[in-house]
């Protein structure tokens, strides 16, 4: 007598799938809402097959109006195209597991939640890799190389060698090798305020956000969140208190081979115009039921990419 048929197999899975998938969706929504990516990146859902951004060199200041219009030729700036990459993970539950696991609902829910956590953790690890490797032309993860650290001028986003199409931009450097302290923070603030656009006009870039890893947390808190001036005996007033926002990111770490820890100053408004996280496919649940092998596969699949257009939203301290 046939006792365990395809119908029984599917019926057994059907006792759990709705609750498990609903829980995975709930975990995914929670992780997505709490992700730091939305704080630092312009995160967008993109359905187009090809994504590219182009811009212009910008206009000079307005001229006195003498009854006729003042015209100006504006040059095309760089065009940046991106390629989306696939990421996935799957776990297979066999006949023995389906038959014998009395706590299957709880166990599979937890395993499914773990995969969903892994999907969002993977995305945040890639986002952090952009910051950690900002002065590199590429970085490697799981044996694959990604050039997501390149700005539209094909130079690493943190570089002293950015390029100018017009040749009129006098500030093409947004990085140093200094550790985070008061003097170096001030130097970065001044440097960002002096950035020029590609026509040589002084920009409107303001350092209003400081991003550090855990190792620089104490120093950063002392610099911008204490009411007394750090490391001064008579507790002078701290001019940086409340001047900018502090983001401590536990995934922002030192590069391999470097012992000191990086830090970043950002104009967060300018960053939202130039630092993009594109979701082609948000983390989605995959489900495959194979009667022939009597196995149930549950997985997560996503496609995304990161794009940096202009570099002037940032100043980088990357010590050796």
Protein backbone atom coordinates (compact mmCIF):
# COMPACT_ATOMS: atom_id res chain seq x y z
CA UNK A 1 0.00 0.00 0.00
CA UNK A 2 1.32 3.45 -0.90
CA UNK A 3 1.33 5.49 2.27
CA UNK A 4 3.70 8.38 1.57
CA UNK A 5 2.67 9.87 -1.75
CA UNK A 6 3.42 13.18 -3.38
CA UNK A 7 0.17 14.44 -1.95
CA UNK A 8 1.27 13.52 1.58
CA UNK A 9 4.65 15.13 0.98
CA UNK A 10 3.12 18.40 -0.12
CA UNK A 11 0.52 18.25 2.65
CA UNK A 12 3.25 17.88 5.26
CA UNK A 13 5.09 20.94 3.96
CA UNK A 14 1.82 22.83 3.71
CA UNK A 15 1.38 22.66 7.47
CA UNK A 16 4.35 24.97 7.94
CA UNK A 17 5.09 27.02 4.84
CA UNK A 18 2.67 29.92 5.34
CA UNK A 19 3.81 30.66 8.90
CA UNK A 20 7.49 30.20 8.03
CA UNK A 21 7.42 32.48 5.01
CA UNK A 22 5.40 35.11 6.86
CA UNK A 23 8.01 35.09 9.64
CA UNK A 24 10.85 35.43 7.12
CA UNK A 25 9.09 38.40 5.52
CA UNK A 26 8.66 39.97 8.95
CA UNK A 27 12.34 39.54 9.75
CA UNK A 28 13.29 40.96 6.36
CA UNK A 29 11.12 44.03 6.83
CA UNK A 30 12.60 44.63 10.28
CA UNK A 31 16.18 44.31 9.03
CA UNK A 32 15.49 46.56 6.06
CA UNK A 33 14.03 49.29 8.26
CA UNK A 34 16.98 49.20 10.70
CA UNK A 35 19.72 49.05 8.08
CA UNK A 36 22.31 51.83 8.18
CA UNK A 37 22.32 51.80 4.37
CA UNK A 38 19.28 54.05 4.30
CA UNK A 39 21.06 56.53 6.57
CA UNK A 40 24.13 56.98 4.39
CA UNK A 41 23.10 55.92 0.88
CA UNK A 42 20.40 56.99 -1.51
CA UNK A 43 18.69 53.58 -1.60
CA UNK A 44 16.38 52.93 -4.52
CA UNK A 45 14.45 50.01 -5.98
CA UNK A 46 15.36 49.83 -9.66
CA UNK A 47 13.43 47.85 -12.25
CA UNK A 48 15.32 49.04 -15.34
CA UNK A 49 17.68 46.53 -16.92
CA UNK A 50 20.42 49.12 -17.35
CA UNK A 51 21.24 51.99 -14.99
CA UNK A 52 23.49 54.93 -15.77
CA UNK A 53 23.93 58.45 -14.41
CA UNK A 54 25.40 61.37 -16.30
CA UNK A 55 25.88 65.00 -15.35
CA UNK A 56 27.30 68.34 -16.38
CA UNK A 57 30.17 70.46 -15.14
CA UNK A 58 27.84 73.04 -13.58
CA UNK A 59 27.35 76.75 -14.18
CA UNK A 60 29.44 79.70 -13.11
CA UNK A 61 27.93 82.48 -11.00
CA UNK A 62 25.20 84.61 -12.52
CA UNK A 63 26.30 87.72 -14.43
CA UNK A 64 24.72 91.19 -14.24
CA UNK A 65 21.55 91.33 -16.31
CA UNK A 66 21.76 94.03 -18.97
CA UNK A 67 18.45 93.49 -20.70
CA UNK A 68 19.48 90.37 -22.60
CA UNK A 69 19.90 86.81 -21.48
CA UNK A 70 23.34 85.60 -20.40
CA UNK A 71 24.15 82.24 -21.96
CA UNK A 72 26.85 79.79 -20.96
CA UNK A 73 28.05 76.56 -22.54
CA UNK A 74 28.01 73.71 -20.04
CA UNK A 75 30.09 70.62 -20.72
CA UNK A 76 28.93 67.06 -20.20
CA UNK A 77 30.57 65.47 -17.19
CA UNK A 78 31.21 61.75 -16.66
CA UNK A 79 28.73 58.94 -17.30
CA UNK A 80 28.66 56.08 -14.80
CA UNK A 81 26.99 52.74 -15.56
CA UNK A 82 26.41 49.95 -13.09
CA UNK A 83 26.05 46.19 -13.24
CA UNK A 84 23.85 44.28 -10.83
CA UNK A 85 25.17 41.18 -9.08
CA UNK A 86 23.31 38.12 -7.82
CA UNK A 87 23.51 36.68 -4.31
CA UNK A 88 21.73 33.65 -2.88
CA UNK A 89 21.66 31.01 -0.16
CA UNK A 90 19.53 27.84 0.13
CA UNK A 91 18.98 25.12 2.69
CA UNK A 92 17.48 21.71 1.90
CA UNK A 93 15.24 19.79 4.33
CA UNK A 94 15.02 16.06 3.55
CA UNK A 95 12.45 13.34 4.26
CA UNK A 96 14.00 12.32 7.59
CA UNK A 97 13.95 15.88 8.86
CA UNK A 98 10.36 16.37 7.73
CA UNK A 99 9.25 13.14 9.43
CA UNK A 100 11.19 13.32 12.69
CA UNK A 101 11.49 16.97 13.66
CA UNK A 102 8.69 17.59 16.15
CA UNK A 103 9.64 21.26 16.49
CA UNK A 104 9.82 21.80 12.76
CA UNK A 105 7.75 24.96 12.74
CA UNK A 106 10.02 26.71 15.24
CA UNK A 107 13.25 25.27 13.85
CA UNK A 108 12.58 26.05 10.20
CA UNK A 109 11.30 29.50 11.09
CA UNK A 110 14.58 30.19 12.88
CA UNK A 111 16.62 28.81 10.00
CA UNK A 112 14.64 30.85 7.51
CA UNK A 113 15.07 33.95 9.65
CA UNK A 114 18.80 33.27 9.80
CA UNK A 115 18.97 33.22 5.99
CA UNK A 116 17.01 36.45 5.78
CA UNK A 117 19.37 38.00 8.33
CA UNK A 118 22.28 36.79 6.19
CA UNK A 119 20.83 38.54 3.13
CA UNK A 120 20.61 41.93 4.82
CA UNK A 121 23.94 41.40 6.59
CA UNK A 122 25.52 40.72 3.18
CA UNK A 123 24.16 43.97 1.82
CA UNK A 124 25.43 45.95 4.77
CA UNK A 125 28.84 44.26 4.55
CA UNK A 126 29.12 45.40 0.93
CA UNK A 127 28.03 48.91 1.85
CA UNK A 128 30.67 48.98 4.60
CA UNK A 129 33.30 47.66 2.18
CA UNK A 130 32.88 50.86 0.17
CA UNK A 131 33.88 52.88 3.24
CA UNK A 132 36.65 50.56 4.42
CA UNK A 133 38.23 50.37 0.96
CA UNK A 134 37.46 53.92 -0.17
CA UNK A 135 41.01 54.60 -1.41
CA UNK A 136 41.21 51.34 -3.39
CA UNK A 137 40.14 50.83 -7.00
CA UNK A 138 38.45 47.55 -6.04
CA UNK A 139 37.94 45.09 -3.22
CA UNK A 140 37.50 41.32 -3.08
CA UNK A 141 34.76 39.41 -1.32
CA UNK A 142 34.28 35.64 -1.50
CA UNK A 143 36.88 35.43 -4.26
CA UNK A 144 35.17 37.98 -6.53
CA UNK A 145 36.41 41.48 -7.27
CA UNK A 146 34.14 44.55 -7.19
CA UNK A 147 35.06 48.04 -8.44
CA UNK A 148 32.20 49.74 -6.59
CA UNK A 149 34.63 52.14 -4.86
CA UNK A 150 35.28 54.01 -8.12
CA UNK A 151 33.64 57.39 -8.65
CA UNK A 152 32.45 58.45 -12.10
CA UNK A 153 35.92 59.79 -12.94
CA UNK A 154 37.21 56.17 -12.63
CA UNK A 155 39.27 57.08 -9.56
CA UNK A 156 38.74 55.66 -6.08
CA UNK A 157 36.29 57.86 -4.18
CA UNK A 158 39.00 58.71 -1.61
CA UNK A 159 41.93 59.99 -3.65
CA UNK A 160 44.38 62.85 -4.11
CA UNK A 161 44.22 62.31 -7.88
CA UNK A 162 40.66 63.05 -8.97
CA UNK A 163 40.30 64.41 -12.48
CA UNK A 164 38.76 67.51 -14.06
CA UNK A 165 37.20 67.58 -17.50
CA UNK A 166 37.59 71.35 -17.82
CA UNK A 167 40.94 71.58 -16.03
CA UNK A 168 39.54 74.49 -14.00
CA UNK A 169 38.96 72.60 -10.73
CA UNK A 170 41.72 73.39 -8.25
CA UNK A 171 40.69 70.95 -5.51
CA UNK A 172 41.01 67.31 -6.53
CA UNK A 173 42.09 65.81 -3.21
CA UNK A 174 39.72 64.51 -0.53
CA UNK A 175 41.86 62.23 1.60
CA UNK A 176 44.73 62.11 4.08
CA UNK A 177 46.50 59.52 6.23
CA UNK A 178 45.87 61.15 9.59
CA UNK A 179 44.18 59.50 12.56
CA UNK A 180 41.04 61.04 14.01
CA UNK A 181 41.70 63.88 16.46
CA UNK A 182 40.61 67.48 16.89
CA UNK A 183 43.18 69.05 14.58
CA UNK A 184 42.60 66.53 11.80
CA UNK A 185 38.83 66.82 12.12
CA UNK A 186 39.14 70.60 11.71
CA UNK A 187 41.43 70.15 8.70
CA UNK A 188 38.83 67.91 7.08
CA UNK A 189 36.02 70.39 7.73
CA UNK A 190 38.05 73.19 6.14
CA UNK A 191 39.03 71.01 3.19
CA UNK A 192 35.41 70.10 2.41
CA UNK A 193 34.39 73.75 2.58
CA UNK A 194 37.01 74.56 -0.07
CA UNK A 195 35.91 71.95 -2.62
CA UNK A 196 35.32 73.37 -6.09
CA UNK A 197 33.11 72.12 -8.89
CA UNK A 198 34.62 71.29 -12.27
CA UNK A 199 34.32 74.91 -13.40
CA UNK A 200 36.39 76.11 -10.44
CA UNK A 201 33.46 77.53 -8.48
CA UNK A 202 33.61 77.08 -4.72
CA UNK A 203 30.98 74.53 -3.83
CA UNK A 204 28.44 74.41 -1.03
CA UNK A 205 29.76 71.32 0.73
CA UNK A 206 29.56 71.20 4.52
CA UNK A 207 30.84 68.46 6.82
CA UNK A 208 27.72 67.70 8.83
CA UNK A 209 28.17 63.96 9.49
CA UNK A 210 31.10 62.03 10.97
CA UNK A 211 31.19 58.26 10.33
CA UNK A 212 33.51 56.04 12.37
CA UNK A 213 33.93 52.40 13.34
CA UNK A 214 33.75 51.08 16.88
CA UNK A 215 37.47 51.62 17.39
CA UNK A 216 37.09 55.40 16.88
CA UNK A 217 33.84 55.65 18.83
CA UNK A 218 35.33 57.04 22.06
CA UNK A 219 37.43 59.61 20.26
CA UNK A 220 34.49 60.69 18.11
CA UNK A 221 32.18 61.03 21.11
CA UNK A 222 34.75 63.15 22.91
CA UNK A 223 35.20 65.34 19.86
CA UNK A 224 31.62 66.17 18.94
CA UNK A 225 29.30 64.95 21.71
CA UNK A 226 30.93 66.23 24.92
CA UNK A 227 30.12 69.68 26.29
CA UNK A 228 33.67 70.10 27.59
CA UNK A 229 36.67 70.35 25.32
CA UNK A 230 38.34 66.91 25.19
CA UNK A 231 41.62 66.43 27.04
CA UNK A 232 41.72 69.96 28.45
CA UNK A 233 42.07 70.22 32.24
CA UNK A 234 39.97 73.34 32.74
CA UNK A 235 37.13 71.87 30.68
CA UNK A 236 36.86 74.61 28.06
CA UNK A 237 33.71 74.69 25.94
CA UNK A 238 33.73 72.16 23.10
CA UNK A 239 33.02 74.07 19.88
CA UNK A 240 32.08 70.85 18.05
CA UNK A 241 29.25 69.86 20.39
CA UNK A 242 26.05 69.57 18.35
CA UNK A 243 27.84 70.78 15.22
CA UNK A 244 27.45 67.53 13.34
CA UNK A 245 25.87 64.12 13.50
CA UNK A 246 27.87 61.08 14.58
CA UNK A 247 27.26 57.63 13.06
CA UNK A 248 29.13 54.71 14.62
CA UNK A 249 29.19 51.76 12.22
CA UNK A 250 30.49 48.47 13.57
CA UNK A 251 31.27 47.22 10.04
CA UNK A 252 33.46 50.20 9.13
CA UNK A 253 36.88 48.72 9.85
CA UNK A 254 40.55 49.09 9.04
CA UNK A 255 41.73 47.71 5.73
CA UNK A 256 43.59 44.43 5.70
CA UNK A 257 47.24 45.10 6.49
CA UNK A 258 46.56 48.44 8.18
CA UNK A 259 46.64 48.82 11.94
CA UNK A 260 44.97 52.24 12.29
CA UNK A 261 41.28 52.97 11.79
CA UNK A 262 39.66 55.13 9.10
CA UNK A 263 37.05 57.84 9.50
CA UNK A 264 34.88 59.81 7.12
CA UNK A 265 33.38 63.28 7.02
CA UNK A 266 30.25 63.59 4.91
CA UNK A 267 27.93 66.21 3.56
CA UNK A 268 24.92 63.93 3.95
CA UNK A 269 22.74 65.91 1.53
CA UNK A 270 25.40 65.76 -1.18
CA UNK A 271 25.93 62.06 -0.41
CA UNK A 272 22.28 61.36 -1.16
CA UNK A 273 22.88 62.81 -4.63
CA UNK A 274 26.02 60.79 -5.34
CA UNK A 275 26.14 57.63 -3.20
CA UNK A 276 23.59 55.07 -4.36
CA UNK A 277 22.51 51.62 -3.24
CA UNK A 278 20.35 50.08 -5.99
CA UNK A 279 18.10 47.10 -5.25
CA UNK A 280 17.25 45.26 -8.45
CA UNK A 281 15.63 42.39 -6.54
CA UNK A 282 14.99 42.90 -2.84
CA UNK A 283 15.80 39.81 -0.74
CA UNK A 284 13.07 37.37 -1.71
CA UNK A 285 12.17 33.90 -0.47
CA UNK A 286 12.73 30.97 -2.82
CA UNK A 287 10.83 27.72 -2.35
CA UNK A 288 11.29 24.42 -4.21
CA UNK A 289 9.53 21.15 -3.37
CA UNK A 290 11.06 18.08 -4.99
CA UNK A 291 8.95 14.96 -4.65
CA UNK A 292 11.52 12.78 -6.41
CA UNK A 293 14.19 13.50 -3.80
CA UNK A 294 11.61 14.09 -1.04
CA UNK A 295 13.29 17.37 -0.14
CA UNK A 296 12.09 20.89 0.54
CA UNK A 297 14.45 23.73 -0.37
CA UNK A 298 14.09 27.16 1.20
CA UNK A 299 16.38 29.99 0.19
CA UNK A 300 16.91 33.71 -0.26
CA UNK A 301 17.87 35.48 -3.49
CA UNK A 302 18.68 39.13 -4.21
CA UNK A 303 20.35 41.38 -6.76
CA UNK A 304 21.88 44.74 -5.97
CA UNK A 305 24.73 47.10 -6.72
CA UNK A 306 26.39 50.22 -5.31
CA UNK A 307 27.27 53.30 -7.34
CA UNK A 308 29.37 56.36 -6.51
CA UNK A 309 29.02 59.33 -8.86
CA UNK A 310 30.81 62.47 -7.67
CA UNK A 311 33.35 62.35 -4.80
CA UNK A 312 32.83 65.80 -3.25
CA UNK A 313 30.35 64.63 -0.63
CA UNK A 314 33.17 63.12 1.43
CA UNK A 315 36.53 63.60 3.12
CA UNK A 316 38.49 60.56 4.24
CA UNK A 317 41.04 59.94 6.94
CA UNK A 318 42.72 56.61 6.14
CA UNK A 319 45.78 56.03 8.35
CA UNK A 320 48.33 53.34 7.54
